[in-house]
Amino acid sequence: MEKTSQFKQLDEQYYMPAFSRDMAIVKGKGSKVWDAEGREYLDCVAGIAVCSTGHCHPAVVKALCDQAHELIHCSNLYYIPHQGDLAKKLVEVTGMHKAFFSNSGAEATDGALKLARVRTGKKKFVAFTHGFHGRTVGSLAVTHKPAIREPFEPLGIPSSFVEYGDLDGLKKAVDNDTAGVIVEPIQGEAGVIIPPDSFLEGIRDVCDTSGALMIVDEVQTGMGRTGKWLAIQHTKVKPDIVTLAKGIASGFPMGALVAREGLEFKKSEHGSTFAGGPLACATALATLKVIEEVLPSVAAKGERFKAGLAKYNPRVRGLMIGLTVGDKCPDIQKKCAEAGLIVNCAADGNLRLVPPLTIADTEIDFAVKVLNGIIG
């Protein structure tokens, strides 16, 4: 543990203690990672649903390095290599009209809230219990978890929360000053919680009736994670705004919002120094090409997990898997790591698996074997 201790010592001395961690990951390839001591793990967290193409996919690395040799940054004062191509591709795969880039999912949420306010002229938002949309001041206002939100209130954005799945409660919460309703089509940080049938369709109906915009947070569920480009595409619902990040660029910091026709920022209404830069856009374009290749296999891989973990009644949509294991979740997570498998405890005793979309069947079988052996 000597090398890991060096990481820990520097962290404790110089870095604000905002994270709980005990492992130092120093290398990744495909679905595998290695810690500072050289131990190998199958990574079923993938940087929290970020490393969609696996770690250091050759096509992604090449795109990143090739662009780094040409231009690293120039700002949005100028047209940027790959930016228009990426916007076009995102519009095509999401079925939306125009895109705007950010550096993270939280920033994408902030942009969505701003866009909803400026185009509707309304101020308030409705979100859902157990929902997570980010930790910036704007995104935190629509994030439910009191422990991370309340210490920073007031946040300046009037928001109310309705029980996830409760359409009657939503109808009561939305009024004439509601700019938007923001929802995850599957709640990720809550532990892969799939909504009741017709819930998303019901939100669309409420928004259509009230004039509020339907904002769908696909930061964790998007970019092929559930077997389609967007989780909302498992329904016939057409959102007004969609937020994206995580799996969009294989680990390079990148986010985006895409919106329907009639919803866009006008000049000087929004901006960012770094967002949509050459490196991010080149990496994201390469990522989307790989996702396009593997997307047809994602549902079957999810079914393989589901069959292998059937006795735990897993919640599965593509390669987004949740198991309710209760208070023993931290112990299971620790024992899995000792057995060479990285998994994650989400909220309320829910174990979450969000592996790379490129994970092999043999690797799925290994994960299933470890989990069955440990959970019992």
Protein backbone atom coordinates (compact mmCIF):
# COMPACT_ATOMS: atom_id res chain seq x y z
CA MET A 1 0.00 0.00 0.00
CA GLU A 2 3.06 2.25 -0.08
CA LYS A 3 2.22 3.93 -3.41
CA THR A 4 -1.43 4.39 -2.45
CA SER A 5 -0.28 5.92 0.84
CA GLN A 6 1.68 8.52 -1.11
CA PHE A 7 -1.47 9.55 -2.97
CA LYS A 8 -3.36 9.69 0.32
CA GLN A 9 -0.71 11.76 2.07
CA LEU A 10 -0.61 14.41 -0.65
CA ASP A 11 -4.39 14.47 -0.82
CA GLU A 12 -4.80 14.94 2.93
CA GLN A 13 -2.23 17.71 3.01
CA TYR A 14 -3.23 19.76 -0.03
CA TYR A 15 -6.69 18.79 -1.32
CA MET A 16 -10.02 19.74 0.23
CA PRO A 17 -11.53 16.58 1.79
CA ALA A 18 -14.72 16.51 -0.29
CA PHE A 19 -14.43 12.85 -1.33
CA SER A 20 -14.34 9.51 0.48
CA ARG A 21 -11.86 7.19 -1.23
CA ASP A 22 -9.24 4.58 -0.47
CA MET A 23 -8.03 3.36 -3.87
CA ALA A 24 -5.65 4.99 -6.35
CA ILE A 25 -6.37 4.06 -9.98
CA VAL A 26 -3.39 4.70 -12.25
CA LYS A 27 -4.08 2.80 -15.49
CA GLY A 28 -7.02 1.65 -17.58
CA LYS A 29 -7.51 -0.41 -20.72
CA GLY A 30 -10.86 -1.57 -22.04
CA SER A 31 -13.02 -2.64 -19.10
CA LYS A 32 -10.03 -3.13 -16.79
CA VAL A 33 -8.22 -0.75 -14.45
CA TRP A 34 -5.13 -1.13 -12.28
CA ASP A 35 -4.41 0.49 -8.94
CA ALA A 36 -1.16 2.01 -7.75
CA GLU A 37 -0.05 -1.34 -6.33
CA GLY A 38 -0.56 -3.07 -9.69
CA ARG A 39 -3.79 -4.92 -8.81
CA GLU A 40 -6.20 -5.52 -11.71
CA TYR A 41 -9.95 -4.91 -11.53
CA LEU A 42 -12.95 -5.27 -13.81
CA ASP A 43 -14.46 -1.79 -13.75
CA CYS A 44 -18.25 -1.86 -13.59
CA VAL A 45 -18.43 1.78 -12.55
CA ALA A 46 -16.57 3.22 -15.55
CA GLY A 47 -15.92 6.59 -13.96
CA ILE A 48 -19.64 6.71 -13.00
CA ALA A 49 -21.05 5.87 -16.44
CA VAL A 50 -18.43 8.05 -18.12
CA CYS A 51 -16.02 5.67 -19.86
CA SER A 52 -18.62 4.49 -22.35
CA THR A 53 -16.07 3.13 -24.82
CA GLY A 54 -13.92 1.62 -22.10
CA HIS A 55 -10.66 3.03 -20.85
CA CYS A 56 -8.29 4.47 -23.45
CA HIS A 57 -10.10 3.17 -26.52
CA PRO A 58 -7.56 3.35 -29.40
CA ALA A 59 -9.84 5.36 -31.70
CA VAL A 60 -10.61 7.87 -28.95
CA VAL A 61 -6.96 8.19 -27.90
CA LYS A 62 -5.94 8.75 -31.53
CA ALA A 63 -8.55 11.46 -32.06
CA LEU A 64 -7.49 13.21 -28.86
CA CYS A 65 -3.77 13.04 -29.63
CA ASP A 66 -4.16 14.03 -33.28
CA GLN A 67 -6.12 17.12 -32.29
CA ALA A 68 -3.69 17.98 -29.48
CA HIS A 69 -0.93 18.23 -32.09
CA GLU A 70 -2.99 20.72 -34.11
CA LEU A 71 -4.85 23.00 -31.68
CA ILE A 72 -5.70 22.63 -28.00
CA HIS A 73 -7.73 25.78 -27.38
CA CYS A 74 -8.84 28.95 -29.10
CA SER A 75 -12.14 29.92 -27.31
CA ASN A 76 -15.60 30.47 -28.72
CA LEU A 77 -14.55 33.79 -30.18
CA TYR A 78 -13.78 31.71 -33.27
CA TYR A 79 -15.20 28.75 -35.18
CA ILE A 80 -13.74 25.62 -33.62
CA PRO A 81 -12.59 22.39 -35.33
CA HIS A 82 -15.11 19.55 -34.93
CA GLN A 83 -17.65 21.68 -33.04
CA GLY A 84 -20.17 21.96 -35.86
CA ASP A 85 -19.74 18.30 -36.81
CA LEU A 86 -20.40 17.21 -33.24
CA ALA A 87 -23.46 19.44 -32.91
CA LYS A 88 -24.82 17.97 -36.15
CA LYS A 89 -24.27 14.41 -34.93
CA LEU A 90 -25.94 15.07 -31.57
CA VAL A 91 -28.94 16.65 -33.26
CA GLU A 92 -29.23 13.60 -35.53
CA VAL A 93 -29.06 10.94 -32.82
CA THR A 94 -31.27 12.80 -30.33
CA GLY A 95 -33.89 14.04 -32.78
CA MET A 96 -33.56 17.57 -31.44
CA HIS A 97 -32.88 20.84 -33.31
CA LYS A 98 -29.76 22.57 -31.98
CA ALA A 99 -27.00 21.95 -29.44
CA PHE A 100 -24.94 23.98 -26.98
CA PHE A 101 -21.82 22.63 -25.27
CA SER A 102 -20.62 22.70 -21.68
CA ASN A 103 -17.84 21.14 -19.62
CA SER A 104 -19.99 18.90 -17.41
CA GLY A 105 -23.46 17.63 -16.68
CA ALA A 106 -24.03 20.21 -13.96
CA GLU A 107 -23.17 22.98 -16.42
CA ALA A 108 -25.56 21.44 -18.94
CA THR A 109 -28.29 21.57 -16.28
CA ASP A 110 -27.49 25.21 -15.57
CA GLY A 111 -27.76 25.97 -19.27
CA ALA A 112 -31.08 24.15 -19.52
CA LEU A 113 -32.51 26.12 -16.59
CA LYS A 114 -31.33 29.40 -18.12
CA LEU A 115 -32.76 28.50 -21.51
CA ALA A 116 -36.11 27.55 -20.00
CA ARG A 117 -36.30 30.80 -18.07
CA VAL A 118 -35.28 33.11 -20.88
CA ARG A 119 -37.57 31.56 -23.48
CA THR A 120 -40.67 31.14 -21.28
CA GLY A 121 -40.27 34.27 -19.17
CA LYS A 122 -41.15 32.15 -16.13
CA LYS A 123 -38.98 31.56 -13.05
CA LYS A 124 -39.85 28.38 -11.14
CA PHE A 125 -38.97 24.71 -11.62
CA VAL A 126 -40.39 21.41 -10.46
CA ALA A 127 -38.10 18.43 -9.90
CA PHE A 128 -38.47 15.03 -8.24
CA THR A 129 -37.54 13.35 -4.98
CA HIS A 130 -34.26 11.43 -5.10
CA GLY A 131 -33.35 13.20 -8.35
CA PHE A 132 -29.80 14.38 -8.98
CA HIS A 133 -28.87 17.07 -11.50
CA GLY A 134 -25.53 18.43 -10.29
CA ARG A 135 -23.80 20.40 -7.56
CA THR A 136 -23.37 23.89 -9.00
CA VAL A 137 -25.64 26.53 -7.49
CA GLY A 138 -28.11 26.27 -10.36
CA SER A 139 -28.22 22.50 -10.70
CA LEU A 140 -28.25 22.02 -6.93
CA ALA A 141 -31.50 23.97 -6.74
CA VAL A 142 -33.24 21.11 -8.57
CA THR A 143 -31.29 18.30 -6.86
CA HIS A 144 -33.38 16.75 -4.11
CA LYS A 145 -30.99 15.23 -1.55
CA PRO A 146 -31.29 17.55 1.47
CA ALA A 147 -27.84 16.68 2.85
CA ILE A 148 -26.08 18.16 -0.18
CA ARG A 149 -28.58 20.93 -0.99
CA GLU A 150 -29.75 22.47 2.27
CA PRO A 151 -26.33 23.70 3.56
CA PHE A 152 -26.12 26.02 0.54
CA GLU A 153 -29.64 27.43 0.53
CA PRO A 154 -31.02 29.85 -0.49
CA LEU A 155 -29.95 28.98 -4.02
CA GLY A 156 -31.83 31.69 -5.88
CA ILE A 157 -33.94 29.42 -8.11
CA PRO A 158 -37.44 28.70 -6.75
CA SER A 159 -37.90 24.93 -6.97
CA SER A 160 -40.28 22.37 -5.54
CA PHE A 161 -40.04 18.59 -5.39
CA VAL A 162 -42.66 15.97 -6.17
CA GLU A 163 -42.45 12.25 -5.45
CA TYR A 164 -40.90 10.46 -8.43
CA GLY A 165 -43.80 8.75 -10.19
CA ASP A 166 -46.56 10.95 -8.72
CA LEU A 167 -48.41 12.63 -11.60
CA ASP A 168 -51.19 13.96 -9.37
CA GLY A 169 -48.60 15.68 -7.21
CA LEU A 170 -46.95 17.11 -10.31
CA LYS A 171 -50.22 18.58 -11.55
CA LYS A 172 -50.64 20.36 -8.22
CA ALA A 173 -47.04 21.63 -8.16
CA VAL A 174 -46.95 23.13 -11.66
CA ASP A 175 -48.47 26.60 -11.96
CA ASN A 176 -48.48 29.57 -14.33
CA ASP A 177 -44.95 30.62 -13.29
CA THR A 178 -43.34 27.18 -13.80
CA ALA A 179 -40.63 27.46 -16.46
CA GLY A 180 -39.84 23.78 -16.55
CA VAL A 181 -40.13 20.29 -15.11
CA ILE A 182 -36.78 18.48 -14.94
CA VAL A 183 -36.65 14.70 -14.73
CA GLU A 184 -34.26 11.78 -15.09
CA PRO A 185 -35.87 9.08 -17.28
CA ILE A 186 -34.15 6.61 -14.95
CA GLN A 187 -32.78 7.91 -11.65
CA GLY A 188 -29.08 7.05 -11.54
CA GLU A 189 -27.70 8.37 -8.27
CA ALA A 190 -30.82 7.07 -6.52
CA GLY A 191 -29.80 3.54 -7.52
CA VAL A 192 -31.15 2.93 -11.03
CA ILE A 193 -34.81 3.62 -10.30
CA ILE A 194 -37.04 3.01 -13.33
CA PRO A 195 -40.25 5.08 -13.30
CA PRO A 196 -43.78 3.66 -13.46
CA ASP A 197 -45.30 3.03 -16.87
CA SER A 198 -46.67 6.17 -18.55
CA PHE A 199 -44.99 8.48 -16.00
CA LEU A 200 -42.82 10.24 -18.58
CA GLU A 201 -45.77 10.50 -20.95
CA GLY A 202 -47.75 12.04 -18.10
CA ILE A 203 -45.07 14.67 -17.50
CA ARG A 204 -45.25 15.58 -21.18
CA ASP A 205 -49.01 16.03 -20.89
CA VAL A 206 -48.70 18.23 -17.80
CA CYS A 207 -46.09 20.40 -19.53
CA ASP A 208 -48.21 20.70 -22.67
CA THR A 209 -51.19 21.80 -20.60
CA SER A 210 -49.30 24.31 -18.45
CA GLY A 211 -46.79 25.71 -20.93
CA ALA A 212 -43.85 24.53 -18.83
CA LEU A 213 -40.90 22.98 -20.67
CA MET A 214 -40.03 19.31 -20.19
CA ILE A 215 -36.30 19.03 -19.45
CA VAL A 216 -34.97 15.48 -19.58
CA ASP A 217 -31.67 14.88 -17.78
CA GLU A 218 -29.85 12.23 -19.81
CA VAL A 219 -26.45 12.96 -18.27
CA GLN A 220 -26.17 9.41 -16.92
CA THR A 221 -28.74 7.59 -19.05
CA GLY A 222 -27.78 9.01 -22.44
CA MET A 223 -25.20 8.14 -25.07
CA GLY A 224 -26.20 4.51 -25.45
CA ARG A 225 -26.22 3.59 -21.77
CA THR A 226 -29.71 2.03 -21.89
CA GLY A 227 -29.46 0.51 -25.37
CA LYS A 228 -30.69 3.59 -27.20
CA TRP A 229 -29.01 6.95 -27.69
CA LEU A 230 -31.37 8.39 -25.08
CA ALA A 231 -33.38 6.60 -22.41
CA ILE A 232 -36.38 8.75 -23.31
CA GLN A 233 -36.31 7.05 -26.73
CA HIS A 234 -37.74 3.94 -25.08
CA THR A 235 -40.96 6.00 -25.07
CA LYS A 236 -42.62 8.21 -27.68
CA VAL A 237 -42.10 11.33 -25.57
CA LYS A 238 -40.49 14.33 -27.28
CA PRO A 239 -38.75 16.54 -24.69
CA ASP A 240 -38.17 20.26 -25.05
CA ILE A 241 -34.60 20.16 -23.73
CA VAL A 242 -32.20 17.26 -23.11
CA THR A 243 -28.99 17.46 -21.09
CA LEU A 244 -25.99 15.22 -21.82
CA ALA A 245 -22.52 14.56 -20.40
CA LYS A 246 -20.74 11.57 -18.80
CA GLY A 247 -20.50 9.01 -21.64
CA ILE A 248 -20.36 11.64 -24.38
CA ALA A 249 -16.56 11.81 -24.61
CA SER A 250 -15.12 8.68 -22.97
CA GLY A 251 -13.85 10.56 -19.92
CA PHE A 252 -12.81 13.88 -21.42
CA PRO A 253 -14.74 16.69 -19.64
CA MET A 254 -17.70 17.41 -21.89
CA GLY A 255 -21.39 18.18 -21.64
CA ALA A 256 -24.15 19.44 -23.88
CA LEU A 257 -27.75 20.45 -24.05
CA VAL A 258 -29.90 19.88 -27.11
CA ALA A 259 -33.24 21.56 -27.62
CA ARG A 260 -36.23 21.44 -29.93
CA GLU A 261 -36.89 23.98 -32.64
CA GLY A 262 -37.80 27.37 -31.20
CA LEU A 263 -35.59 26.98 -28.13
CA GLU A 264 -32.11 28.41 -28.49
CA PHE A 265 -29.83 30.97 -26.90
CA LYS A 266 -29.56 34.27 -28.73
CA LYS A 267 -26.30 36.18 -28.95
CA SER A 268 -24.69 36.87 -25.54
CA GLU A 269 -27.39 35.04 -23.57
CA HIS A 270 -25.02 32.22 -22.63
CA GLY A 271 -21.35 31.37 -23.06
CA SER A 272 -18.28 29.48 -21.91
CA THR A 273 -14.55 29.88 -22.39
CA PHE A 274 -13.72 26.18 -22.56
CA ALA A 275 -16.96 24.50 -23.65
CA GLY A 276 -16.95 22.83 -27.05
CA GLY A 277 -13.19 23.15 -27.43
CA PRO A 278 -11.18 21.30 -30.08
CA LEU A 279 -10.03 18.46 -27.82
CA ALA A 280 -13.45 17.84 -26.32
CA CYS A 281 -15.23 17.84 -29.66
CA ALA A 282 -12.67 15.60 -31.37
CA THR A 283 -12.85 13.14 -28.49
CA ALA A 284 -16.64 13.19 -28.41
CA LEU A 285 -16.93 12.61 -32.16
CA ALA A 286 -14.65 9.59 -31.92
CA THR A 287 -16.66 8.34 -28.94
CA LEU A 288 -19.96 8.60 -30.79
CA LYS A 289 -18.56 6.56 -33.67
CA VAL A 290 -17.60 3.76 -31.29
CA ILE A 291 -20.95 3.92 -29.50
CA GLU A 292 -22.72 3.66 -32.85
CA GLU A 293 -20.85 0.41 -33.50
CA VAL A 294 -21.60 -1.20 -30.12
CA LEU A 295 -25.10 0.18 -29.54
CA PRO A 296 -26.91 -2.82 -31.08
CA SER A 297 -25.28 -5.12 -28.50
CA VAL A 298 -26.04 -3.12 -25.34
CA ALA A 299 -29.51 -4.52 -24.68
CA ALA A 300 -28.30 -8.13 -24.95
CA LYS A 301 -25.42 -7.41 -22.58
CA GLY A 302 -27.89 -5.99 -20.09
CA GLU A 303 -30.03 -9.10 -20.40
CA ARG A 304 -26.95 -11.22 -19.68
CA PHE A 305 -26.45 -9.31 -16.42
CA LYS A 306 -30.17 -9.60 -15.65
CA ALA A 307 -30.21 -13.37 -16.14
CA GLY A 308 -27.09 -13.89 -14.04
CA LEU A 309 -28.37 -11.73 -11.18
CA ALA A 310 -32.03 -12.77 -11.45
CA LYS A 311 -32.41 -13.90 -7.83
CA TYR A 312 -31.74 -10.33 -6.65
CA ASN A 313 -34.52 -8.83 -8.81
CA PRO A 314 -32.20 -6.41 -10.60
CA ARG A 315 -33.46 -3.25 -12.26
CA VAL A 316 -31.93 -3.32 -15.71
CA ARG A 317 -32.13 -1.05 -18.73
CA GLY A 318 -29.29 -1.80 -21.10
CA LEU A 319 -26.02 -1.50 -19.18
CA MET A 320 -27.54 0.41 -16.29
CA ILE A 321 -28.10 -2.08 -13.48
CA GLY A 322 -29.34 -1.60 -9.93
CA LEU A 323 -29.70 -4.08 -7.05
CA THR A 324 -31.26 -3.32 -3.68
CA VAL A 325 -29.02 -4.90 -1.03
CA GLY A 326 -29.72 -2.65 1.95
CA ASP A 327 -27.27 -1.81 4.73
CA LYS A 328 -24.73 -4.37 3.57
CA CYS A 329 -24.03 -2.41 0.38
CA PRO A 330 -20.72 -0.87 1.56
CA ASP A 331 -19.48 -4.28 2.70
CA ILE A 332 -20.45 -5.85 -0.64
CA GLN A 333 -18.67 -3.06 -2.50
CA LYS A 334 -15.52 -3.62 -0.43
CA LYS A 335 -15.56 -7.40 -0.87
CA CYS A 336 -16.12 -7.04 -4.62
CA ALA A 337 -13.02 -4.85 -4.86
CA GLU A 338 -11.03 -7.44 -2.96
CA ALA A 339 -12.22 -9.99 -5.54
CA GLY A 340 -11.19 -7.75 -8.45
CA LEU A 341 -14.55 -6.15 -9.28
CA ILE A 342 -15.39 -2.46 -8.93
CA VAL A 343 -19.04 -1.66 -8.23
CA ASN A 344 -20.69 1.34 -6.59
CA CYS A 345 -23.11 1.98 -3.74
CA ALA A 346 -25.68 4.56 -4.81
CA ALA A 347 -28.40 5.85 -2.48
CA ASP A 348 -30.57 3.88 -0.07
CA GLY A 349 -28.68 0.58 -0.13
CA ASN A 350 -28.72 0.27 -3.90
CA LEU A 351 -25.75 -1.30 -5.67
CA ARG A 352 -25.12 0.23 -9.10
CA LEU A 353 -23.31 -1.19 -12.12
CA VAL A 354 -22.66 1.03 -15.14
CA PRO A 355 -19.81 -0.72 -17.00
CA PRO A 356 -18.31 0.33 -20.33
CA LEU A 357 -20.63 -0.32 -23.27
CA THR A 358 -17.77 -2.35 -24.75
CA ILE A 359 -17.70 -4.88 -21.90
CA ALA A 360 -17.24 -8.46 -23.13
CA ASP A 361 -19.56 -11.37 -22.31
CA THR A 362 -16.74 -13.12 -20.45
CA GLU A 363 -16.30 -10.02 -18.31
CA ILE A 364 -20.02 -9.89 -17.58
CA ASP A 365 -19.86 -13.53 -16.51
CA PHE A 366 -16.97 -12.72 -14.16
CA ALA A 367 -18.91 -9.84 -12.58
CA VAL A 368 -21.99 -12.03 -12.14
CA LYS A 369 -19.93 -14.81 -10.55
CA VAL A 370 -18.29 -12.43 -8.08
CA LEU A 371 -21.57 -10.78 -7.11
CA ASN A 372 -23.37 -14.09 -6.63
CA GLY A 373 -20.53 -15.36 -4.49
CA ILE A 374 -20.48 -12.28 -2.27
CA ILE A 375 -24.16 -11.40 -1.98
CA GLY A 376 -25.09 -15.06 -1.53
